[in-house]
Amino acid sequence: HFRVIVFWIHGAILAFFCYYPLSMKKILILFIAYCLLPIPVHAQGYELLPSGEVIDADFLRAGNIIQIDGEIKGDVFLAGGLVTVNGKIDGDLFVFGGKVNINGEIGNSVRVLGGDVIVNGPVGKNVLLLCGNCSVTRQTTIGGSLITAGGNLEMAAPRVGRGFRFFGSRLFLNSEIANEAFVVAQQEFLLGPKASVSGNLKYTGNFEAIQSLIDGIFEGE
């Protein structure tokens, strides 16, 4: 099982490089993590950044339980079994976790590899999720694009500012997509009443499951 986990984490890091340009500092940090991942590390304890505390630099933590209630001005790198972000992050957020809850405001981009992932707050730029079960709630706003790969996604954010890509099993889309959408849903693709795509929709999967819902929802082809 450990080898499978390492494989997926390596793949996630490579996806970060493929989909989003990173600064040299971030590339160096991720490269070091990539090289060290085959070494088993057993994180222990509870890591808390309390409300009211402000970190002016980049922030890196690993633990069984991580909770961020304070404010961080730099980029944030978190790895844990249960990761909860309630505070404000001005930079980018990187998370490796079993269960991940992002409730706070993220100024730049979000990149998550996790089992169960909930995004429940505003994101200034792009979102990349590699997860078993993902949920993006109505409280979420995404200024850039959203890319999700894995199992299931429930997508309810009011609007995605740029493009949308989904590669997985089941997708429920109930959001406005301001650009094109590319969907690979192997088992199910459902559309809610608030779903709309301004650009073209490219879809691979069970065509019959979407046919009766597609008319009038998409402005593109």
C-alpha atoms as a PDB file:
ATOM      1  CA  HIS A   1       0.000   0.000   0.000  1.00  0.00           C
ATOM      2  CA  PHE A   2       2.866   2.357   0.737  1.00  0.00           C
ATOM      3  CA  ARG A   3       4.196   1.966  -2.806  1.00  0.00           C
ATOM      4  CA  VAL A   4       0.775   2.819  -4.210  1.00  0.00           C
ATOM      5  CA  ILE A   5       0.609   5.952  -2.060  1.00  0.00           C
ATOM      6  CA  VAL A   6       4.098   6.992  -3.169  1.00  0.00           C
ATOM      7  CA  PHE A   7       3.098   6.471  -6.808  1.00  0.00           C
ATOM      8  CA  TRP A   8       0.066   8.739  -6.475  1.00  0.00           C
ATOM      9  CA  ILE A   9       1.996  11.434  -4.630  1.00  0.00           C
ATOM     10  CA  HIS A  10       4.697  11.390  -7.286  1.00  0.00           C
ATOM     11  CA  GLY A  11       2.014  11.686  -9.943  1.00  0.00           C
ATOM     12  CA  ALA A  12       0.397  14.585  -8.124  1.00  0.00           C
ATOM     13  CA  ILE A  13       3.663  16.492  -7.918  1.00  0.00           C
ATOM     14  CA  LEU A  14       4.279  15.926 -11.614  1.00  0.00           C
ATOM     15  CA  ALA A  15       0.748  17.213 -12.287  1.00  0.00           C
ATOM     16  CA  PHE A  16       1.584  20.380 -10.364  1.00  0.00           C
ATOM     17  CA  PHE A  17       4.458  21.015 -12.765  1.00  0.00           C
ATOM     18  CA  CYS A  18       2.363  20.199 -15.856  1.00  0.00           C
ATOM     19  CA  TYR A  19      -0.685  22.337 -15.101  1.00  0.00           C
ATOM     20  CA  TYR A  20       0.655  25.328 -13.160  1.00  0.00           C
ATOM     21  CA  PRO A  21       3.856  27.338 -13.578  1.00  0.00           C
ATOM     22  CA  LEU A  22       5.771  27.573 -10.297  1.00  0.00           C
ATOM     23  CA  SER A  23       8.522  29.832  -9.042  1.00  0.00           C
ATOM     24  CA  MET A  24      12.000  28.369  -8.603  1.00  0.00           C
ATOM     25  CA  LYS A  25      11.588  28.375  -4.803  1.00  0.00           C
ATOM     26  CA  LYS A  26       8.435  26.273  -4.976  1.00  0.00           C
ATOM     27  CA  ILE A  27       9.993  23.953  -7.540  1.00  0.00           C
ATOM     28  CA  LEU A  28      12.959  23.359  -5.215  1.00  0.00           C
ATOM     29  CA  ILE A  29      10.710  22.570  -2.236  1.00  0.00           C
ATOM     30  CA  LEU A  30       8.583  20.146  -4.244  1.00  0.00           C
ATOM     31  CA  PHE A  31      11.665  18.526  -5.782  1.00  0.00           C
ATOM     32  CA  ILE A  32      13.102  17.836  -2.327  1.00  0.00           C
ATOM     33  CA  ALA A  33       9.752  16.378  -1.217  1.00  0.00           C
ATOM     34  CA  TYR A  34       9.626  14.265  -4.377  1.00  0.00           C
ATOM     35  CA  CYS A  35      13.090  12.829  -3.673  1.00  0.00           C
ATOM     36  CA  LEU A  36      12.300  12.080  -0.018  1.00  0.00           C
ATOM     37  CA  LEU A  37       8.886  10.481  -0.509  1.00  0.00           C
ATOM     38  CA  PRO A  38      10.171   6.878  -0.807  1.00  0.00           C
ATOM     39  CA  ILE A  39      11.439   7.220   2.781  1.00  0.00           C
ATOM     40  CA  PRO A  40       8.586   6.361   5.198  1.00  0.00           C
ATOM     41  CA  VAL A  41       7.944   9.198   7.644  1.00  0.00           C
ATOM     42  CA  HIS A  42       5.538   8.730  10.560  1.00  0.00           C
ATOM     43  CA  ALA A  43       4.107  12.113  11.511  1.00  0.00           C
ATOM     44  CA  GLN A  44       2.735  12.426  15.027  1.00  0.00           C
ATOM     45  CA  GLY A  45       0.857  14.931  17.079  1.00  0.00           C
ATOM     46  CA  TYR A  46      -1.417  17.912  16.637  1.00  0.00           C
ATOM     47  CA  GLU A  47      -0.216  21.019  14.815  1.00  0.00           C
ATOM     48  CA  LEU A  48      -2.242  24.197  15.421  1.00  0.00           C
ATOM     49  CA  LEU A  49      -1.776  27.746  14.191  1.00  0.00           C
ATOM     50  CA  PRO A  50      -4.180  29.614  16.499  1.00  0.00           C
ATOM     51  CA  SER A  51      -6.548  32.369  15.460  1.00  0.00           C
ATOM     52  CA  GLY A  52      -4.978  35.813  15.684  1.00  0.00           C
ATOM     53  CA  GLU A  53      -1.456  34.597  14.968  1.00  0.00           C
ATOM     54  CA  VAL A  54       0.153  35.913  11.761  1.00  0.00           C
ATOM     55  CA  ILE A  55       3.039  34.249   9.900  1.00  0.00           C
ATOM     56  CA  ASP A  56       4.891  36.575   7.518  1.00  0.00           C
ATOM     57  CA  ALA A  57       6.910  33.802   5.794  1.00  0.00           C
ATOM     58  CA  ASP A  58       6.258  30.479   4.082  1.00  0.00           C
ATOM     59  CA  PHE A  59       4.810  27.765   6.352  1.00  0.00           C
ATOM     60  CA  LEU A  60       5.488  23.996   6.304  1.00  0.00           C
ATOM     61  CA  ARG A  61       3.963  21.481   8.730  1.00  0.00           C
ATOM     62  CA  ALA A  62       3.390  17.704   8.985  1.00  0.00           C
ATOM     63  CA  GLY A  63       1.336  15.888  11.616  1.00  0.00           C
ATOM     64  CA  ASN A  64      -1.539  13.544  12.259  1.00  0.00           C
ATOM     65  CA  ILE A  65      -3.889  16.511  12.697  1.00  0.00           C
ATOM     66  CA  ILE A  66      -3.166  19.984  11.331  1.00  0.00           C
ATOM     67  CA  GLN A  67      -5.411  22.988  11.889  1.00  0.00           C
ATOM     68  CA  ILE A  68      -4.708  26.453  10.516  1.00  0.00           C
ATOM     69  CA  ASP A  69      -6.829  29.174  12.134  1.00  0.00           C
ATOM     70  CA  GLY A  70      -4.363  32.058  11.839  1.00  0.00           C
ATOM     71  CA  GLU A  71      -3.147  34.087   8.866  1.00  0.00           C
ATOM     72  CA  ILE A  72      -0.162  33.196   6.664  1.00  0.00           C
ATOM     73  CA  LYS A  73       1.346  35.741   4.271  1.00  0.00           C
ATOM     74  CA  GLY A  74       3.479  33.243   2.294  1.00  0.00           C
ATOM     75  CA  ASP A  75       2.976  29.848   0.691  1.00  0.00           C
ATOM     76  CA  VAL A  76       1.757  26.908   2.804  1.00  0.00           C
ATOM     77  CA  PHE A  77       2.812  23.231   2.589  1.00  0.00           C
ATOM     78  CA  LEU A  78       0.842  20.781   4.764  1.00  0.00           C
ATOM     79  CA  ALA A  79       0.867  16.970   5.119  1.00  0.00           C
ATOM     80  CA  GLY A  80      -1.335  15.090   7.575  1.00  0.00           C
ATOM     81  CA  GLY A  81      -4.125  12.635   8.221  1.00  0.00           C
ATOM     82  CA  LEU A  82      -6.682  15.373   8.943  1.00  0.00           C
ATOM     83  CA  VAL A  83      -5.928  18.848   7.592  1.00  0.00           C
ATOM     84  CA  THR A  84      -8.242  21.808   8.247  1.00  0.00           C
ATOM     85  CA  VAL A  85      -7.586  25.328   6.970  1.00  0.00           C
ATOM     86  CA  ASN A  86      -9.870  27.966   8.495  1.00  0.00           C
ATOM     87  CA  GLY A  87      -7.553  30.961   8.328  1.00  0.00           C
ATOM     88  CA  LYS A  88      -6.457  33.246   5.527  1.00  0.00           C
ATOM     89  CA  ILE A  89      -3.527  32.349   3.250  1.00  0.00           C
ATOM     90  CA  ASP A  90      -2.171  35.025   0.938  1.00  0.00           C
ATOM     91  CA  GLY A  91       0.043  32.702  -1.127  1.00  0.00           C
ATOM     92  CA  ASP A  92      -0.379  29.209  -2.584  1.00  0.00           C
ATOM     93  CA  LEU A  93      -1.671  26.228  -0.586  1.00  0.00           C
ATOM     94  CA  PHE A  94      -0.246  22.715  -1.070  1.00  0.00           C
ATOM     95  CA  VAL A  95      -1.828  19.839   0.891  1.00  0.00           C
ATOM     96  CA  PHE A  96      -1.205  16.080   1.115  1.00  0.00           C
ATOM     97  CA  GLY A  97      -3.826  14.575   3.425  1.00  0.00           C
ATOM     98  CA  GLY A  98      -6.300  11.830   4.182  1.00  0.00           C
ATOM     99  CA  LYS A  99      -9.156  14.213   4.917  1.00  0.00           C
ATOM    100  CA  VAL A 100      -8.813  17.850   3.874  1.00  0.00           C
ATOM    101  CA  ASN A 101     -11.151  20.753   4.697  1.00  0.00           C
ATOM    102  CA  ILE A 102     -10.394  24.179   3.226  1.00  0.00           C
ATOM    103  CA  ASN A 103     -12.709  26.793   4.719  1.00  0.00           C
ATOM    104  CA  GLY A 104     -10.513  29.881   4.702  1.00  0.00           C
ATOM    105  CA  GLU A 105      -9.658  32.413   2.006  1.00  0.00           C
ATOM    106  CA  ILE A 106      -6.771  31.451  -0.304  1.00  0.00           C
ATOM    107  CA  GLY A 107      -5.216  34.353  -2.192  1.00  0.00           C
ATOM    108  CA  ASN A 108      -3.445  32.383  -4.909  1.00  0.00           C
ATOM    109  CA  SER A 109      -3.826  28.739  -6.003  1.00  0.00           C
ATOM    110  CA  VAL A 110      -4.797  25.512  -4.213  1.00  0.00           C
ATOM    111  CA  ARG A 111      -3.257  22.101  -4.962  1.00  0.00           C
ATOM    112  CA  VAL A 112      -4.485  19.098  -2.977  1.00  0.00           C
ATOM    113  CA  LEU A 113      -3.825  15.362  -2.978  1.00  0.00           C
ATOM    114  CA  GLY A 114      -6.220  13.693  -0.556  1.00  0.00           C
ATOM    115  CA  GLY A 115      -8.796  11.025   0.154  1.00  0.00           C
ATOM    116  CA  ASP A 116     -11.816  13.179   1.069  1.00  0.00           C
ATOM    117  CA  VAL A 117     -11.495  16.851   0.139  1.00  0.00           C
ATOM    118  CA  ILE A 118     -13.902  19.739   0.786  1.00  0.00           C
ATOM    119  CA  VAL A 119     -13.259  23.242  -0.571  1.00  0.00           C
ATOM    120  CA  ASN A 120     -15.522  25.692   1.226  1.00  0.00           C
ATOM    121  CA  GLY A 121     -14.001  29.146   0.757  1.00  0.00           C
ATOM    122  CA  PRO A 122     -12.825  31.658  -1.854  1.00  0.00           C
ATOM    123  CA  VAL A 123      -9.758  30.894  -4.012  1.00  0.00           C
ATOM    124  CA  GLY A 124      -8.150  33.735  -5.930  1.00  0.00           C
ATOM    125  CA  LYS A 125      -6.593  31.709  -8.727  1.00  0.00           C
ATOM    126  CA  ASN A 126      -6.516  28.034  -9.758  1.00  0.00           C
ATOM    127  CA  VAL A 127      -7.583  24.825  -7.994  1.00  0.00           C
ATOM    128  CA  LEU A 128      -6.093  21.369  -8.633  1.00  0.00           C
ATOM    129  CA  LEU A 129      -7.657  18.426  -6.744  1.00  0.00           C
ATOM    130  CA  LEU A 130      -6.498  14.802  -6.899  1.00  0.00           C
ATOM    131  CA  CYS A 131      -8.805  12.940  -4.551  1.00  0.00           C
ATOM    132  CA  GLY A 132     -11.157  10.036  -3.951  1.00  0.00           C
ATOM    133  CA  ASN A 133     -14.185  12.160  -3.059  1.00  0.00           C
ATOM    134  CA  CYS A 134     -14.213  15.903  -3.671  1.00  0.00           C
ATOM    135  CA  SER A 135     -16.775  18.572  -2.818  1.00  0.00           C
ATOM    136  CA  VAL A 136     -16.655  22.230  -3.859  1.00  0.00           C
ATOM    137  CA  THR A 137     -19.461  24.038  -2.020  1.00  0.00           C
ATOM    138  CA  ARG A 138     -21.650  27.078  -2.761  1.00  0.00           C
ATOM    139  CA  GLN A 139     -19.432  29.131  -0.438  1.00  0.00           C
ATOM    140  CA  THR A 140     -16.504  28.654  -2.823  1.00  0.00           C
ATOM    141  CA  THR A 141     -15.478  31.120  -5.520  1.00  0.00           C
ATOM    142  CA  ILE A 142     -12.693  30.246  -7.963  1.00  0.00           C
ATOM    143  CA  GLY A 143     -11.025  33.081  -9.827  1.00  0.00           C
ATOM    144  CA  GLY A 144      -9.061  30.813 -12.177  1.00  0.00           C
ATOM    145  CA  SER A 145      -9.531  27.267 -13.426  1.00  0.00           C
ATOM    146  CA  LEU A 146     -10.537  24.018 -11.709  1.00  0.00           C
ATOM    147  CA  ILE A 147      -8.939  20.653 -12.521  1.00  0.00           C
ATOM    148  CA  THR A 148     -10.062  17.531 -10.670  1.00  0.00           C
ATOM    149  CA  ALA A 149      -8.866  13.941 -11.109  1.00  0.00           C
ATOM    150  CA  GLY A 150      -9.832  10.895  -9.088  1.00  0.00           C
ATOM    151  CA  GLY A 151     -13.149   9.411  -8.029  1.00  0.00           C
ATOM    152  CA  ASN A 152     -16.167  11.655  -7.461  1.00  0.00           C
ATOM    153  CA  LEU A 153     -16.769  15.407  -7.539  1.00  0.00           C
ATOM    154  CA  GLU A 154     -19.769  17.380  -6.310  1.00  0.00           C
ATOM    155  CA  MET A 155     -19.307  20.818  -7.842  1.00  0.00           C
ATOM    156  CA  ALA A 156     -21.577  23.579  -6.510  1.00  0.00           C
ATOM    157  CA  ALA A 157     -19.407  26.728  -6.564  1.00  0.00           C
ATOM    158  CA  PRO A 158     -21.383  29.649  -8.018  1.00  0.00           C
ATOM    159  CA  ARG A 159     -18.763  30.338 -10.693  1.00  0.00           C
ATOM    160  CA  VAL A 160     -15.424  29.161 -12.075  1.00  0.00           C
ATOM    161  CA  GLY A 161     -13.602  32.114 -13.602  1.00  0.00           C
ATOM    162  CA  ARG A 162     -11.781  30.132 -16.275  1.00  0.00           C
ATOM    163  CA  GLY A 163     -11.827  26.561 -17.587  1.00  0.00           C
ATOM    164  CA  PHE A 164     -12.947  23.310 -15.954  1.00  0.00           C
ATOM    165  CA  ARG A 165     -11.514  19.801 -16.371  1.00  0.00           C
ATOM    166  CA  PHE A 166     -12.695  16.610 -14.696  1.00  0.00           C
ATOM    167  CA  PHE A 167     -11.205  13.113 -14.997  1.00  0.00           C
ATOM    168  CA  GLY A 168     -12.915  10.535 -12.814  1.00  0.00           C
ATOM    169  CA  SER A 169     -15.900   8.354 -12.065  1.00  0.00           C
ATOM    170  CA  ARG A 170     -18.880  10.507 -11.086  1.00  0.00           C
ATOM    171  CA  LEU A 171     -19.489  14.244 -11.541  1.00  0.00           C
ATOM    172  CA  PHE A 172     -22.364  16.393 -10.338  1.00  0.00           C
ATOM    173  CA  LEU A 173     -21.993  19.859 -11.881  1.00  0.00           C
ATOM    174  CA  ASN A 174     -24.150  22.693 -10.581  1.00  0.00           C
ATOM    175  CA  SER A 175     -21.935  25.703 -11.350  1.00  0.00           C
ATOM    176  CA  GLU A 176     -21.349  28.367 -13.954  1.00  0.00           C
ATOM    177  CA  ILE A 177     -18.192  27.726 -15.990  1.00  0.00           C
ATOM    178  CA  ALA A 178     -16.953  30.960 -17.564  1.00  0.00           C
ATOM    179  CA  ASN A 179     -14.883  29.186 -20.215  1.00  0.00           C
ATOM    180  CA  GLU A 180     -14.747  25.721 -21.778  1.00  0.00           C
ATOM    181  CA  ALA A 181     -15.257  22.438 -19.920  1.00  0.00           C
ATOM    182  CA  PHE A 182     -13.618  19.063 -20.554  1.00  0.00           C
ATOM    183  CA  VAL A 183     -15.222  16.094 -18.767  1.00  0.00           C
ATOM    184  CA  VAL A 184     -14.262  12.423 -18.598  1.00  0.00           C
ATOM    185  CA  ALA A 185     -16.836  10.727 -16.342  1.00  0.00           C
ATOM    186  CA  GLN A 186     -16.686   6.960 -16.527  1.00  0.00           C
ATOM    187  CA  GLN A 187     -19.861   6.177 -14.553  1.00  0.00           C
ATOM    188  CA  GLU A 188     -22.099   9.222 -14.160  1.00  0.00           C
ATOM    189  CA  PHE A 189     -22.384  12.866 -15.220  1.00  0.00           C
ATOM    190  CA  LEU A 190     -25.282  14.791 -13.677  1.00  0.00           C
ATOM    191  CA  LEU A 191     -26.199  18.447 -14.149  1.00  0.00           C
ATOM    192  CA  GLY A 192     -27.918  20.673 -11.615  1.00  0.00           C
ATOM    193  CA  PRO A 193     -30.282  23.572 -12.378  1.00  0.00           C
ATOM    194  CA  LYS A 194     -27.521  26.174 -11.970  1.00  0.00           C
ATOM    195  CA  ALA A 195     -25.064  24.476 -14.357  1.00  0.00           C
ATOM    196  CA  SER A 196     -23.895  26.465 -17.387  1.00  0.00           C
ATOM    197  CA  VAL A 197     -20.833  26.463 -19.626  1.00  0.00           C
ATOM    198  CA  SER A 198     -20.006  29.606 -21.620  1.00  0.00           C
ATOM    199  CA  GLY A 199     -17.523  27.852 -23.915  1.00  0.00           C
ATOM    200  CA  ASN A 200     -17.454  24.441 -25.543  1.00  0.00           C
ATOM    201  CA  LEU A 201     -18.145  21.233 -23.664  1.00  0.00           C
ATOM    202  CA  LYS A 202     -16.028  18.192 -24.505  1.00  0.00           C
ATOM    203  CA  TYR A 203     -17.399  15.063 -22.865  1.00  0.00           C
ATOM    204  CA  THR A 204     -16.382  11.399 -22.753  1.00  0.00           C
ATOM    205  CA  GLY A 205     -18.467   8.848 -20.876  1.00  0.00           C
ATOM    206  CA  ASN A 206     -22.057   7.662 -20.707  1.00  0.00           C
ATOM    207  CA  PHE A 207     -23.613   9.947 -23.322  1.00  0.00           C
ATOM    208  CA  GLU A 208     -27.166   8.712 -22.675  1.00  0.00           C
ATOM    209  CA  ALA A 209     -27.006   9.863 -19.055  1.00  0.00           C
ATOM    210  CA  ILE A 210     -26.492  13.499 -20.060  1.00  0.00           C
ATOM    211  CA  GLN A 211     -28.472  13.747 -23.297  1.00  0.00           C
ATOM    212  CA  SER A 212     -31.801  14.741 -21.784  1.00  0.00           C
ATOM    213  CA  LEU A 213     -30.198  17.537 -19.726  1.00  0.00           C
ATOM    214  CA  ILE A 214     -27.840  19.087 -22.208  1.00  0.00           C
ATOM    215  CA  ASP A 215     -30.229  21.300 -24.203  1.00  0.00           C
ATOM    216  CA  GLY A 216     -30.334  24.913 -23.060  1.00  0.00           C
ATOM    217  CA  ILE A 217     -27.549  24.604 -20.499  1.00  0.00           C
ATOM    218  CA  PHE A 218     -24.482  25.070 -22.682  1.00  0.00           C
ATOM    219  CA  GLU A 219     -23.784  28.154 -24.745  1.00  0.00           C
ATOM    220  CA  GLY A 220     -20.965  26.422 -26.666  1.00  0.00           C
ATOM    221  CA  GLU A 221     -21.037  23.168 -28.612  1.00  0.00           C
END
